[in-house]
Amino acid sequence: MKYVDEYKVEARSLIKDVQQLAVYSGLSYNEVINMSLEERQILAEVVKDKIDLDMKLAGIKVKKDTYM
């Protein structure tokens, strides 16, 4: 049962990551879930960079690694 519970936690975490990428990138859930792991990692970096730039342009200071 322990392994099933761990699997459920990992599956939920993956779904949440995919949902966040979809929301922040403007892509659909299906587009993101169909990406390879490497593609999702690159997309996450690009989205983070865009958020950082948007916040910098807006004059908002954020500590490193406070999101994503």
Protein backbone atom coordinates (compact mmCIF):
# COMPACT_ATOMS: atom_id res chain seq x y z
CA MET A 1 0.00 0.00 0.00
CA LYS A 2 2.94 2.31 0.69
CA TYR A 3 4.01 2.18 -2.95
CA VAL A 4 0.51 2.93 -4.20
CA ASP A 5 0.33 5.97 -1.95
CA GLU A 6 3.74 7.17 -3.17
CA TYR A 7 2.61 6.68 -6.78
CA LYS A 8 -0.52 8.73 -6.14
CA VAL A 9 1.55 11.57 -4.66
CA GLU A 10 3.93 11.53 -7.63
CA ALA A 11 1.06 11.42 -10.12
CA ARG A 12 -0.66 14.35 -8.41
CA SER A 13 2.59 16.32 -8.45
CA LEU A 14 3.06 15.71 -12.17
CA ILE A 15 -0.52 16.76 -12.94
CA LYS A 16 -0.07 19.93 -10.89
CA ASP A 17 3.18 20.78 -12.70
CA VAL A 18 1.54 20.27 -16.08
CA GLN A 19 -1.46 22.39 -15.05
CA GLN A 20 0.81 25.21 -13.87
CA LEU A 21 2.77 25.18 -17.11
CA ALA A 22 -0.45 25.24 -19.10
CA VAL A 23 -1.82 28.17 -17.12
CA TYR A 24 1.36 30.25 -17.21
CA SER A 25 2.30 29.45 -20.82
CA GLY A 26 -1.14 29.83 -22.37
CA LEU A 27 -0.89 26.36 -23.89
CA SER A 28 -3.55 23.73 -23.42
CA TYR A 29 -3.20 20.93 -20.88
CA ASN A 30 -3.06 18.40 -23.73
CA GLU A 31 -0.25 20.27 -25.48
CA VAL A 32 1.84 20.32 -22.31
CA ILE A 33 1.13 16.72 -21.23
CA ASN A 34 2.13 15.48 -24.70
CA MET A 35 5.55 17.15 -24.43
CA SER A 36 8.60 15.17 -23.45
CA LEU A 37 10.09 15.80 -20.02
CA GLU A 38 12.89 17.82 -21.60
CA GLU A 39 10.41 19.98 -23.52
CA ARG A 40 8.45 20.66 -20.31
CA GLN A 41 11.65 21.57 -18.47
CA ILE A 42 12.63 24.01 -21.22
CA LEU A 43 9.10 25.47 -21.25
CA ALA A 44 9.29 25.96 -17.47
CA GLU A 45 12.59 27.83 -17.85
CA VAL A 46 11.16 30.05 -20.59
CA VAL A 47 8.03 30.82 -18.56
CA LYS A 48 10.15 31.63 -15.49
CA ASP A 49 12.36 33.95 -17.56
CA LYS A 50 9.29 35.70 -18.96
CA ILE A 51 7.80 36.18 -15.50
CA ASP A 52 11.14 37.52 -14.23
CA LEU A 53 11.32 40.00 -17.11
CA ASP A 54 7.69 41.09 -16.72
CA MET A 55 8.22 41.68 -13.00
CA LYS A 56 11.48 43.56 -13.62
CA LEU A 57 9.76 45.81 -16.17
CA ALA A 58 6.97 46.42 -13.66
CA GLY A 59 9.52 47.38 -11.01
CA ILE A 60 8.73 44.43 -8.76
CA LYS A 61 11.65 42.86 -6.90
CA VAL A 62 11.42 39.16 -6.17
CA LYS A 63 13.80 36.92 -4.27
CA LYS A 64 15.32 34.11 -6.30
CA ASP A 65 13.44 30.80 -6.36
CA THR A 66 10.25 32.15 -4.81
CA TYR A 67 8.14 30.49 -7.45
CA MET A 68 8.27 27.51 -9.80
